[in-house]
Amino acid sequence: MPNRGSRNASLLAMIRIALIVATLAFSAAAEAAGALRENEADLVHFAFATQLGSGVYAVGGRTIQIYRLPVARTLAEPEDGRPGVRLTLPVTIGLYDFEPRDVVESGFPDRLDTFSLAGGIELDFPLADDWHLVPYAEAGRAWDRSSDADASLYSAALHARRDWSSGQIDWRFSTGIVYAGVDFDGLARPSDLVRFEAGIEVRRLLGLEFGNSEADGGPYLLVEWYADRPDEQLVRSTGKGSVPAQFEAGFTLGARPPPRIWKLPLPRIGLAYRFGDGISVYRLVFGAPF
C-alpha cells in the first residue's frame, strides 16, 4: 500500500507532465503573438493579465507569457443562513520572450520577469433553487523586473452562480460584473476596466481514480463584454482589431474531492482558446475557468 509521501510524489509528477503538455500545446500562439506600439500604455498589459489569467500577451513589442495560480483557502461553507467565506491569494508570474518548447530541454526558467500577488476575500450567499450570490474584493502589487513599472492592483466583482446535477453530469452557470484597476508608480493617471461575463461549464466523472479522488473533466464556454477598458486591446495575437466582446472555449481536468498538498487543494488545469474579431490566443487554465 503506497504511503502518503509516494502518492504525493506521483501526483506531483503527473501535474508536472500535464503542465508541460499543456504548455507545449499553445507554443504556436506564443510564436505568433504580435507586437504592440512601444509606449507607456502597453504597461497595462502585464498588470491586467492578473485578471485575464494565463495566456500569451504583448508588452512593449515583446511577447510575455502569464501564468496565474489561484491559491485559495475556504474558511467556512455556507450553512444555516450564513455565507461561506474563502480567502484568495492569486499569484501571477510572467516570462518575457520565453519559448514553451524550451521547457522540455532545459526545464522551467529560474527567474521571473513579472510577478504579482493579491489578497482578497470571497463570500458565498446561498439563494433559492441552487443559486448563489458571490461577491469578492482583492488588492495587491505587481512588479516588472525589466522596468520601473511597479503597480498597485485592486478589483471587485459580483457574480450570480448556479450549480446543479443532471444524472452523471454536473452543470455550472455564472454571470456577473468585474471591476479592476491598476495604479502605476510614478504615473498620475490610473487605468481600469469594467467587464461583464457569462459562462457555462459541464463536468462528468472520467472513471479514473487515484488515492481517494476520482478524475473529472468537461468543456466550458465563456463570453466577456468590456464596457470600459484600457486604451489598448488586452489580449492580442496576430490580429489588430479591437472589439468589446471576447469568447473563450476550453476544457478542464480536475478531481473530486480535489487532492491536497500541504493542506492546499490542487487547482484544476485545462487548455482554452480565446477568440473575437481579430483576436486569437491559446490560454492555460489553472483553477475554475470562471
C-alpha atoms as a PDB file:
ATOM      1  CA  MET A   1       0.000   0.000   0.000  1.00  0.00           C
ATOM      2  CA  PRO A   2       1.750   3.249  -1.063  1.00  0.00           C
ATOM      3  CA  ASN A   3       2.287   5.819   1.679  1.00  0.00           C
ATOM      4  CA  ARG A   4       1.180   9.438   1.541  1.00  0.00           C
ATOM      5  CA  GLY A   5       4.650  10.617   0.518  1.00  0.00           C
ATOM      6  CA  SER A   6       4.812   8.331  -2.513  1.00  0.00           C
ATOM      7  CA  ARG A   7       1.256   9.285  -3.535  1.00  0.00           C
ATOM      8  CA  ASN A   8       2.160  12.985  -3.323  1.00  0.00           C
ATOM      9  CA  ALA A   9       5.335  12.376  -5.342  1.00  0.00           C
ATOM     10  CA  SER A  10       3.367  10.545  -8.030  1.00  0.00           C
ATOM     11  CA  LEU A  11       0.734  13.246  -8.062  1.00  0.00           C
ATOM     12  CA  LEU A  12       3.362  15.987  -8.402  1.00  0.00           C
ATOM     13  CA  ALA A  13       4.944  14.090 -11.295  1.00  0.00           C
ATOM     14  CA  MET A  14       1.557  13.825 -13.035  1.00  0.00           C
ATOM     15  CA  ILE A  15       0.942  17.539 -12.552  1.00  0.00           C
ATOM     16  CA  ARG A  16       4.374  18.404 -13.975  1.00  0.00           C
ATOM     17  CA  ILE A  17       3.743  16.247 -17.052  1.00  0.00           C
ATOM     18  CA  ALA A  18       0.318  17.858 -17.524  1.00  0.00           C
ATOM     19  CA  LEU A  19       1.826  21.330 -17.270  1.00  0.00           C
ATOM     20  CA  ILE A  20       4.499  20.508 -19.855  1.00  0.00           C
ATOM     21  CA  VAL A  21       1.954  19.033 -22.281  1.00  0.00           C
ATOM     22  CA  ALA A  22      -0.436  21.953 -21.888  1.00  0.00           C
ATOM     23  CA  THR A  23       2.403  24.477 -22.253  1.00  0.00           C
ATOM     24  CA  LEU A  24       3.637  22.887 -25.480  1.00  0.00           C
ATOM     25  CA  ALA A  25       0.067  22.802 -26.794  1.00  0.00           C
ATOM     26  CA  PHE A  26      -0.092  26.564 -27.123  1.00  0.00           C
ATOM     27  CA  SER A  27       3.546  27.266 -28.128  1.00  0.00           C
ATOM     28  CA  ALA A  28       2.367  28.285 -31.599  1.00  0.00           C
ATOM     29  CA  ALA A  29       0.350  31.078 -30.048  1.00  0.00           C
ATOM     30  CA  ALA A  30       3.438  32.413 -28.272  1.00  0.00           C
ATOM     31  CA  GLU A  31       5.439  32.473 -31.512  1.00  0.00           C
ATOM     32  CA  ALA A  32       2.635  34.257 -33.364  1.00  0.00           C
ATOM     33  CA  ALA A  33       1.973  36.976 -30.781  1.00  0.00           C
ATOM     34  CA  GLY A  34       2.065  40.368 -32.460  1.00  0.00           C
ATOM     35  CA  ALA A  35       3.956  43.419 -31.209  1.00  0.00           C
ATOM     36  CA  LEU A  36       2.121  46.442 -29.875  1.00  0.00           C
ATOM     37  CA  ARG A  37       3.270  50.013 -30.188  1.00  0.00           C
ATOM     38  CA  GLU A  38       6.030  50.863 -27.705  1.00  0.00           C
ATOM     39  CA  ASN A  39       4.820  53.386 -25.165  1.00  0.00           C
ATOM     40  CA  GLU A  40       3.754  53.518 -21.554  1.00  0.00           C
ATOM     41  CA  ALA A  41       0.196  52.476 -22.370  1.00  0.00           C
ATOM     42  CA  ASP A  42       1.480  48.977 -23.089  1.00  0.00           C
ATOM     43  CA  LEU A  43       2.498  48.560 -19.458  1.00  0.00           C
ATOM     44  CA  VAL A  44      -1.121  47.923 -18.509  1.00  0.00           C
ATOM     45  CA  HIS A  45      -0.927  44.532 -20.189  1.00  0.00           C
ATOM     46  CA  PHE A  46       1.266  42.740 -17.681  1.00  0.00           C
ATOM     47  CA  ALA A  47      -0.703  44.172 -14.746  1.00  0.00           C
ATOM     48  CA  PHE A  48      -4.199  43.422 -16.116  1.00  0.00           C
ATOM     49  CA  ALA A  49      -3.077  39.921 -17.040  1.00  0.00           C
ATOM     50  CA  THR A  50      -3.712  39.050 -13.395  1.00  0.00           C
ATOM     51  CA  GLN A  51      -7.400  39.472 -14.236  1.00  0.00           C
ATOM     52  CA  LEU A  52      -7.330  37.794 -17.646  1.00  0.00           C
ATOM     53  CA  GLY A  53      -5.428  34.726 -16.496  1.00  0.00           C
ATOM     54  CA  SER A  54      -2.749  32.546 -18.055  1.00  0.00           C
ATOM     55  CA  GLY A  55      -2.019  33.222 -21.708  1.00  0.00           C
ATOM     56  CA  VAL A  56       0.174  34.900 -24.308  1.00  0.00           C
ATOM     57  CA  TYR A  57       0.348  38.695 -24.252  1.00  0.00           C
ATOM     58  CA  ALA A  58       2.392  41.525 -25.778  1.00  0.00           C
ATOM     59  CA  VAL A  59       4.090  44.315 -23.836  1.00  0.00           C
ATOM     60  CA  GLY A  60       6.253  46.991 -25.459  1.00  0.00           C
ATOM     61  CA  GLY A  61       6.876  44.901 -28.583  1.00  0.00           C
ATOM     62  CA  ARG A  62       7.846  41.774 -26.619  1.00  0.00           C
ATOM     63  CA  THR A  63       5.991  38.518 -26.018  1.00  0.00           C
ATOM     64  CA  ILE A  64       5.087  37.723 -22.417  1.00  0.00           C
ATOM     65  CA  GLN A  65       3.553  34.527 -21.107  1.00  0.00           C
ATOM     66  CA  ILE A  66       1.412  34.847 -17.995  1.00  0.00           C
ATOM     67  CA  TYR A  67       0.689  32.015 -15.575  1.00  0.00           C
ATOM     68  CA  ARG A  68      -1.908  32.673 -12.870  1.00  0.00           C
ATOM     69  CA  LEU A  69      -2.030  30.305  -9.896  1.00  0.00           C
ATOM     70  CA  PRO A  70      -5.335  30.560  -7.980  1.00  0.00           C
ATOM     71  CA  VAL A  71      -4.239  29.953  -4.393  1.00  0.00           C
ATOM     72  CA  ALA A  72      -7.239  29.987  -2.039  1.00  0.00           C
ATOM     73  CA  ARG A  73      -8.460  28.561   1.247  1.00  0.00           C
ATOM     74  CA  THR A  74     -12.066  28.020   2.293  1.00  0.00           C
ATOM     75  CA  LEU A  75     -12.706  29.086   5.880  1.00  0.00           C
ATOM     76  CA  ALA A  76     -16.423  28.306   6.062  1.00  0.00           C
ATOM     77  CA  GLU A  77     -19.075  26.732   3.863  1.00  0.00           C
ATOM     78  CA  PRO A  78     -22.472  28.461   3.558  1.00  0.00           C
ATOM     79  CA  GLU A  79     -24.938  26.994   6.054  1.00  0.00           C
ATOM     80  CA  ASP A  80     -27.801  27.982   8.357  1.00  0.00           C
ATOM     81  CA  GLY A  81     -28.270  31.296   6.591  1.00  0.00           C
ATOM     82  CA  ARG A  82     -24.600  32.262   6.997  1.00  0.00           C
ATOM     83  CA  PRO A  83     -22.430  32.943   3.941  1.00  0.00           C
ATOM     84  CA  GLY A  84     -19.425  30.881   3.031  1.00  0.00           C
ATOM     85  CA  VAL A  85     -16.047  32.572   3.378  1.00  0.00           C
ATOM     86  CA  ARG A  86     -12.979  31.978   1.215  1.00  0.00           C
ATOM     87  CA  LEU A  87      -9.626  33.730   1.337  1.00  0.00           C
ATOM     88  CA  THR A  88      -7.886  34.188  -2.022  1.00  0.00           C
ATOM     89  CA  LEU A  89      -4.208  34.779  -2.745  1.00  0.00           C
ATOM     90  CA  PRO A  90      -3.720  34.552  -6.533  1.00  0.00           C
ATOM     91  CA  VAL A  91      -0.072  34.503  -7.632  1.00  0.00           C
ATOM     92  CA  THR A  92       0.741  35.575 -11.198  1.00  0.00           C
ATOM     93  CA  ILE A  93       4.127  35.181 -12.879  1.00  0.00           C
ATOM     94  CA  GLY A  94       5.270  36.389 -16.297  1.00  0.00           C
ATOM     95  CA  LEU A  95       8.078  35.329 -18.632  1.00  0.00           C
ATOM     96  CA  TYR A  96       9.325  37.594 -21.419  1.00  0.00           C
ATOM     97  CA  ASP A  97      10.354  36.060 -24.769  1.00  0.00           C
ATOM     98  CA  PHE A  98      10.133  32.527 -23.407  1.00  0.00           C
ATOM     99  CA  GLU A  99       9.753  29.647 -25.868  1.00  0.00           C
ATOM    100  CA  PRO A 100       7.423  26.994 -24.393  1.00  0.00           C
ATOM    101  CA  ARG A 101       9.243  24.171 -26.191  1.00  0.00           C
ATOM    102  CA  ASP A 102      12.386  25.032 -24.196  1.00  0.00           C
ATOM    103  CA  VAL A 103      10.771  23.515 -21.118  1.00  0.00           C
ATOM    104  CA  VAL A 104      11.477  20.017 -22.489  1.00  0.00           C
ATOM    105  CA  GLU A 105      15.231  20.604 -22.907  1.00  0.00           C
ATOM    106  CA  SER A 106      16.093  22.888 -20.003  1.00  0.00           C
ATOM    107  CA  GLY A 107      13.034  22.901 -17.720  1.00  0.00           C
ATOM    108  CA  PHE A 108      11.237  25.965 -16.486  1.00  0.00           C
ATOM    109  CA  PRO A 109      13.194  29.261 -16.249  1.00  0.00           C
ATOM    110  CA  ASP A 110      14.967  30.006 -12.959  1.00  0.00           C
ATOM    111  CA  ARG A 111      13.919  33.677 -12.896  1.00  0.00           C
ATOM    112  CA  LEU A 112      10.681  35.590 -13.232  1.00  0.00           C
ATOM    113  CA  ASP A 113      10.247  38.753 -15.298  1.00  0.00           C
ATOM    114  CA  THR A 114       6.948  39.880 -13.792  1.00  0.00           C
ATOM    115  CA  PHE A 115       5.314  38.899 -10.530  1.00  0.00           C
ATOM    116  CA  SER A 116       2.107  39.896  -8.803  1.00  0.00           C
ATOM    117  CA  LEU A 117       0.489  38.956  -5.532  1.00  0.00           C
ATOM    118  CA  ALA A 118      -3.011  39.906  -4.403  1.00  0.00           C
ATOM    119  CA  GLY A 119      -5.020  39.034  -1.337  1.00  0.00           C
ATOM    120  CA  GLY A 120      -8.758  39.072  -1.041  1.00  0.00           C
ATOM    121  CA  ILE A 121     -11.938  37.658   0.388  1.00  0.00           C
ATOM    122  CA  GLU A 122     -14.887  35.968  -1.329  1.00  0.00           C
ATOM    123  CA  LEU A 123     -18.318  35.494   0.238  1.00  0.00           C
ATOM    124  CA  ASP A 124     -20.906  32.916  -0.838  1.00  0.00           C
ATOM    125  CA  PHE A 125     -24.570  33.742  -0.105  1.00  0.00           C
ATOM    126  CA  PRO A 126     -26.891  30.792  -0.861  1.00  0.00           C
ATOM    127  CA  LEU A 127     -30.183  31.665  -2.549  1.00  0.00           C
ATOM    128  CA  ALA A 128     -33.197  29.638  -3.694  1.00  0.00           C
ATOM    129  CA  ASP A 129     -33.066  26.954  -6.425  1.00  0.00           C
ATOM    130  CA  ASP A 130     -29.304  26.285  -6.073  1.00  0.00           C
ATOM    131  CA  TRP A 131     -28.371  29.889  -6.866  1.00  0.00           C
ATOM    132  CA  HIS A 132     -25.526  31.649  -5.057  1.00  0.00           C
ATOM    133  CA  LEU A 133     -24.584  35.321  -4.884  1.00  0.00           C
ATOM    134  CA  VAL A 134     -20.785  35.572  -4.801  1.00  0.00           C
ATOM    135  CA  PRO A 135     -19.060  38.946  -4.229  1.00  0.00           C
ATOM    136  CA  TYR A 136     -15.307  39.323  -3.809  1.00  0.00           C
ATOM    137  CA  ALA A 137     -12.660  42.018  -3.425  1.00  0.00           C
ATOM    138  CA  GLU A 138      -8.871  41.812  -3.886  1.00  0.00           C
ATOM    139  CA  ALA A 139      -5.881  44.137  -3.662  1.00  0.00           C
ATOM    140  CA  GLY A 140      -2.169  43.628  -4.203  1.00  0.00           C
ATOM    141  CA  ARG A 141       1.022  44.596  -6.010  1.00  0.00           C
ATOM    142  CA  ALA A 142       2.652  43.821  -9.367  1.00  0.00           C
ATOM    143  CA  TRP A 143       6.373  44.066 -10.194  1.00  0.00           C
ATOM    144  CA  ASP A 144       8.194  44.160 -13.552  1.00  0.00           C
ATOM    145  CA  ARG A 145      11.956  43.395 -13.447  1.00  0.00           C
ATOM    146  CA  SER A 146      12.590  44.965 -16.870  1.00  0.00           C
ATOM    147  CA  SER A 147      11.338  48.450 -15.950  1.00  0.00           C
ATOM    148  CA  ASP A 148      10.138  50.658 -13.116  1.00  0.00           C
ATOM    149  CA  ALA A 149       6.525  49.777 -13.876  1.00  0.00           C
ATOM    150  CA  ASP A 150       5.576  48.504 -10.425  1.00  0.00           C
ATOM    151  CA  ALA A 151       1.892  48.958  -9.704  1.00  0.00           C
ATOM    152  CA  SER A 152      -0.868  48.592  -7.142  1.00  0.00           C
ATOM    153  CA  LEU A 153      -3.769  46.339  -8.132  1.00  0.00           C
ATOM    154  CA  TYR A 154      -7.351  46.303  -6.924  1.00  0.00           C
ATOM    155  CA  SER A 155     -10.519  44.584  -8.072  1.00  0.00           C
ATOM    156  CA  ALA A 156     -14.071  43.775  -7.034  1.00  0.00           C
ATOM    157  CA  ALA A 157     -16.779  41.607  -8.554  1.00  0.00           C
ATOM    158  CA  LEU A 158     -20.305  40.359  -8.063  1.00  0.00           C
ATOM    159  CA  HIS A 159     -21.468  37.073  -9.595  1.00  0.00           C
ATOM    160  CA  ALA A 160     -24.673  35.075  -9.604  1.00  0.00           C
ATOM    161  CA  ARG A 161     -23.914  31.353  -9.885  1.00  0.00           C
ATOM    162  CA  ARG A 162     -25.933  28.171 -10.090  1.00  0.00           C
ATOM    163  CA  ASP A 163     -24.621  24.603  -9.708  1.00  0.00           C
ATOM    164  CA  TRP A 164     -26.852  21.612 -10.419  1.00  0.00           C
ATOM    165  CA  SER A 165     -26.673  17.972 -11.481  1.00  0.00           C
ATOM    166  CA  SER A 166     -28.457  16.026 -14.196  1.00  0.00           C
ATOM    167  CA  GLY A 167     -27.764  12.304 -13.987  1.00  0.00           C
ATOM    168  CA  GLN A 168     -23.972  11.855 -14.012  1.00  0.00           C
ATOM    169  CA  ILE A 169     -23.349  15.345 -15.370  1.00  0.00           C
ATOM    170  CA  ASP A 170     -22.689  18.429 -13.260  1.00  0.00           C
ATOM    171  CA  TRP A 171     -23.511  21.873 -14.625  1.00  0.00           C
ATOM    172  CA  ARG A 172     -22.380  25.351 -13.606  1.00  0.00           C
ATOM    173  CA  PHE A 173     -23.690  28.684 -14.868  1.00  0.00           C
ATOM    174  CA  SER A 174     -22.264  32.030 -13.768  1.00  0.00           C
ATOM    175  CA  THR A 175     -22.831  35.627 -14.756  1.00  0.00           C
ATOM    176  CA  GLY A 176     -21.560  38.843 -13.235  1.00  0.00           C
ATOM    177  CA  ILE A 177     -19.620  42.082 -13.418  1.00  0.00           C
ATOM    178  CA  VAL A 178     -15.930  42.692 -12.665  1.00  0.00           C
ATOM    179  CA  TYR A 179     -14.131  45.964 -11.959  1.00  0.00           C
ATOM    180  CA  ALA A 180     -10.324  46.071 -11.904  1.00  0.00           C
ATOM    181  CA  GLY A 181      -7.888  48.953 -11.567  1.00  0.00           C
ATOM    182  CA  VAL A 182      -4.128  49.436 -11.848  1.00  0.00           C
ATOM    183  CA  ASP A 183      -2.248  52.374 -10.340  1.00  0.00           C
ATOM    184  CA  PHE A 184       1.322  52.538 -11.692  1.00  0.00           C
ATOM    185  CA  ASP A 185       4.018  54.095  -9.540  1.00  0.00           C
ATOM    186  CA  GLY A 186       5.035  57.486 -10.927  1.00  0.00           C
ATOM    187  CA  LEU A 187       2.063  57.813 -13.279  1.00  0.00           C
ATOM    188  CA  ALA A 188      -0.652  60.253 -12.306  1.00  0.00           C
ATOM    189  CA  ARG A 189      -3.441  58.537 -14.203  1.00  0.00           C
ATOM    190  CA  PRO A 190      -4.558  55.047 -13.117  1.00  0.00           C
ATOM    191  CA  SER A 191      -6.070  52.601 -15.601  1.00  0.00           C
ATOM    192  CA  ASP A 192      -9.138  50.444 -15.098  1.00  0.00           C
ATOM    193  CA  LEU A 193     -11.608  48.119 -16.788  1.00  0.00           C
ATOM    194  CA  VAL A 194     -15.230  47.044 -16.380  1.00  0.00           C
ATOM    195  CA  ARG A 195     -16.186  43.623 -17.700  1.00  0.00           C
ATOM    196  CA  PHE A 196     -19.488  41.764 -17.896  1.00  0.00           C
ATOM    197  CA  GLU A 197     -19.256  37.998 -18.290  1.00  0.00           C
ATOM    198  CA  ALA A 198     -21.371  34.868 -18.555  1.00  0.00           C
ATOM    199  CA  GLY A 199     -20.178  31.277 -18.674  1.00  0.00           C
ATOM    200  CA  ILE A 200     -21.459  27.699 -18.640  1.00  0.00           C
ATOM    201  CA  GLU A 201     -19.478  24.565 -17.774  1.00  0.00           C
ATOM    202  CA  VAL A 202     -20.249  20.841 -17.976  1.00  0.00           C
ATOM    203  CA  ARG A 203     -18.330  18.217 -15.961  1.00  0.00           C
ATOM    204  CA  ARG A 204     -18.550  14.469 -15.502  1.00  0.00           C
ATOM    205  CA  LEU A 205     -16.510  11.783 -13.751  1.00  0.00           C
ATOM    206  CA  LEU A 206     -13.998  10.048 -16.021  1.00  0.00           C
ATOM    207  CA  GLY A 207     -13.717   6.712 -14.206  1.00  0.00           C
ATOM    208  CA  LEU A 208     -10.055   7.266 -13.240  1.00  0.00           C
ATOM    209  CA  GLU A 209      -9.184   7.005  -9.563  1.00  0.00           C
ATOM    210  CA  PHE A 210      -6.019   7.945  -7.685  1.00  0.00           C
ATOM    211  CA  GLY A 211      -5.837   7.864  -3.920  1.00  0.00           C
ATOM    212  CA  ASN A 212      -9.175   8.972  -2.519  1.00  0.00           C
ATOM    213  CA  SER A 213     -10.032  11.101  -5.544  1.00  0.00           C
ATOM    214  CA  GLU A 214     -11.667  10.455  -8.902  1.00  0.00           C
ATOM    215  CA  ALA A 215     -10.806  12.468 -12.018  1.00  0.00           C
ATOM    216  CA  ASP A 216     -13.448  14.604 -13.676  1.00  0.00           C
ATOM    217  CA  GLY A 217     -13.427  16.852 -16.717  1.00  0.00           C
ATOM    218  CA  GLY A 218     -15.517  18.747 -19.187  1.00  0.00           C
ATOM    219  CA  PRO A 219     -15.852  21.684 -21.593  1.00  0.00           C
ATOM    220  CA  TYR A 220     -16.915  25.252 -20.924  1.00  0.00           C
ATOM    221  CA  LEU A 221     -17.846  28.410 -22.825  1.00  0.00           C
ATOM    222  CA  LEU A 222     -17.260  31.950 -21.561  1.00  0.00           C
ATOM    223  CA  VAL A 223     -18.454  35.241 -23.094  1.00  0.00           C
ATOM    224  CA  GLU A 224     -16.979  38.581 -21.948  1.00  0.00           C
ATOM    225  CA  TRP A 225     -18.008  42.112 -22.844  1.00  0.00           C
ATOM    226  CA  TYR A 226     -15.858  45.114 -21.926  1.00  0.00           C
ATOM    227  CA  ALA A 227     -17.870  48.211 -21.063  1.00  0.00           C
ATOM    228  CA  ASP A 228     -14.638  50.029 -20.193  1.00  0.00           C
ATOM    229  CA  ARG A 229     -11.008  49.041 -20.678  1.00  0.00           C
ATOM    230  CA  PRO A 230      -7.502  50.479 -21.134  1.00  0.00           C
ATOM    231  CA  ASP A 231      -6.509  52.159 -24.388  1.00  0.00           C
ATOM    232  CA  GLU A 232      -5.070  49.010 -25.976  1.00  0.00           C
ATOM    233  CA  GLN A 233      -6.666  45.619 -26.536  1.00  0.00           C
ATOM    234  CA  LEU A 234      -5.749  43.398 -23.594  1.00  0.00           C
ATOM    235  CA  VAL A 235      -5.276  40.127 -25.422  1.00  0.00           C
ATOM    236  CA  ARG A 236      -3.698  40.021 -28.866  1.00  0.00           C
ATOM    237  CA  SER A 237      -2.029  37.633 -31.246  1.00  0.00           C
ATOM    238  CA  THR A 238      -1.773  38.185 -34.972  1.00  0.00           C
ATOM    239  CA  GLY A 239      -4.898  40.308 -35.196  1.00  0.00           C
ATOM    240  CA  LYS A 240      -5.089  44.093 -34.999  1.00  0.00           C
ATOM    241  CA  GLY A 241      -8.761  44.541 -34.282  1.00  0.00           C
ATOM    242  CA  SER A 242     -10.324  45.809 -31.090  1.00  0.00           C
ATOM    243  CA  VAL A 243     -13.818  44.700 -30.112  1.00  0.00           C
ATOM    244  CA  PRO A 244     -15.732  44.862 -26.851  1.00  0.00           C
ATOM    245  CA  ALA A 245     -16.724  41.163 -26.937  1.00  0.00           C
ATOM    246  CA  GLN A 246     -14.470  38.150 -26.494  1.00  0.00           C
ATOM    247  CA  PHE A 247     -15.280  34.441 -26.394  1.00  0.00           C
ATOM    248  CA  GLU A 248     -13.436  31.560 -24.776  1.00  0.00           C
ATOM    249  CA  ALA A 249     -13.955  27.817 -25.221  1.00  0.00           C
ATOM    250  CA  GLY A 250     -11.945  25.311 -23.246  1.00  0.00           C
ATOM    251  CA  PHE A 251     -11.666  22.013 -21.402  1.00  0.00           C
ATOM    252  CA  THR A 252     -10.511  21.461 -17.824  1.00  0.00           C
ATOM    253  CA  LEU A 253      -9.483  18.433 -15.776  1.00  0.00           C
ATOM    254  CA  GLY A 254      -9.710  18.055 -12.032  1.00  0.00           C
ATOM    255  CA  ALA A 255     -10.687  15.617  -9.318  1.00  0.00           C
ATOM    256  CA  ARG A 256     -13.376  15.030  -6.722  1.00  0.00           C
ATOM    257  CA  PRO A 257     -12.503  15.708  -3.979  1.00  0.00           C
ATOM    258  CA  PRO A 258      -9.531  17.865  -5.036  1.00  0.00           C
ATOM    259  CA  PRO A 259      -6.180  16.347  -3.962  1.00  0.00           C
ATOM    260  CA  ARG A 260      -4.293  18.394  -1.392  1.00  0.00           C
ATOM    261  CA  ILE A 261      -0.629  19.196  -0.917  1.00  0.00           C
ATOM    262  CA  TRP A 262       0.370  20.917   2.313  1.00  0.00           C
ATOM    263  CA  LYS A 263      -3.375  21.201   3.104  1.00  0.00           C
ATOM    264  CA  LEU A 264      -3.993  23.270  -0.034  1.00  0.00           C
ATOM    265  CA  PRO A 265      -6.338  21.889  -2.733  1.00  0.00           C
ATOM    266  CA  LEU A 266      -4.706  21.471  -6.134  1.00  0.00           C
ATOM    267  CA  PRO A 267      -6.386  23.610  -8.827  1.00  0.00           C
ATOM    268  CA  ARG A 268      -7.971  22.312 -11.987  1.00  0.00           C
ATOM    269  CA  ILE A 269      -5.885  22.548 -15.141  1.00  0.00           C
ATOM    270  CA  GLY A 270      -7.010  22.974 -18.731  1.00  0.00           C
ATOM    271  CA  LEU A 271      -6.489  24.456 -22.143  1.00  0.00           C
ATOM    272  CA  ALA A 272      -8.663  27.131 -23.757  1.00  0.00           C
ATOM    273  CA  TYR A 273      -8.955  29.168 -26.939  1.00  0.00           C
ATOM    274  CA  ARG A 274      -9.957  32.849 -26.692  1.00  0.00           C
ATOM    275  CA  PHE A 275     -11.211  34.497 -29.859  1.00  0.00           C
ATOM    276  CA  GLY A 276     -13.042  37.511 -31.291  1.00  0.00           C
ATOM    277  CA  ASP A 277     -12.779  39.830 -34.281  1.00  0.00           C
ATOM    278  CA  GLY A 278      -9.035  39.857 -34.982  1.00  0.00           C
ATOM    279  CA  ILE A 279      -8.211  38.104 -31.672  1.00  0.00           C
ATOM    280  CA  SER A 280      -6.770  34.609 -31.384  1.00  0.00           C
ATOM    281  CA  VAL A 281      -4.910  33.275 -28.349  1.00  0.00           C
ATOM    282  CA  TYR A 282      -4.467  29.940 -26.600  1.00  0.00           C
ATOM    283  CA  ARG A 283      -4.606  30.017 -22.821  1.00  0.00           C
ATOM    284  CA  LEU A 284      -3.643  27.714 -19.982  1.00  0.00           C
ATOM    285  CA  VAL A 285      -6.328  27.456 -17.329  1.00  0.00           C
ATOM    286  CA  PHE A 286      -5.480  26.982 -13.659  1.00  0.00           C
ATOM    287  CA  GLY A 287      -8.431  26.591 -11.327  1.00  0.00           C
ATOM    288  CA  ALA A 288     -12.077  27.102 -12.206  1.00  0.00           C
ATOM    289  CA  PRO A 289     -12.455  28.789 -15.615  1.00  0.00           C
ATOM    290  CA  PHE A 290     -14.887  31.372 -14.165  1.00  0.00           C
END
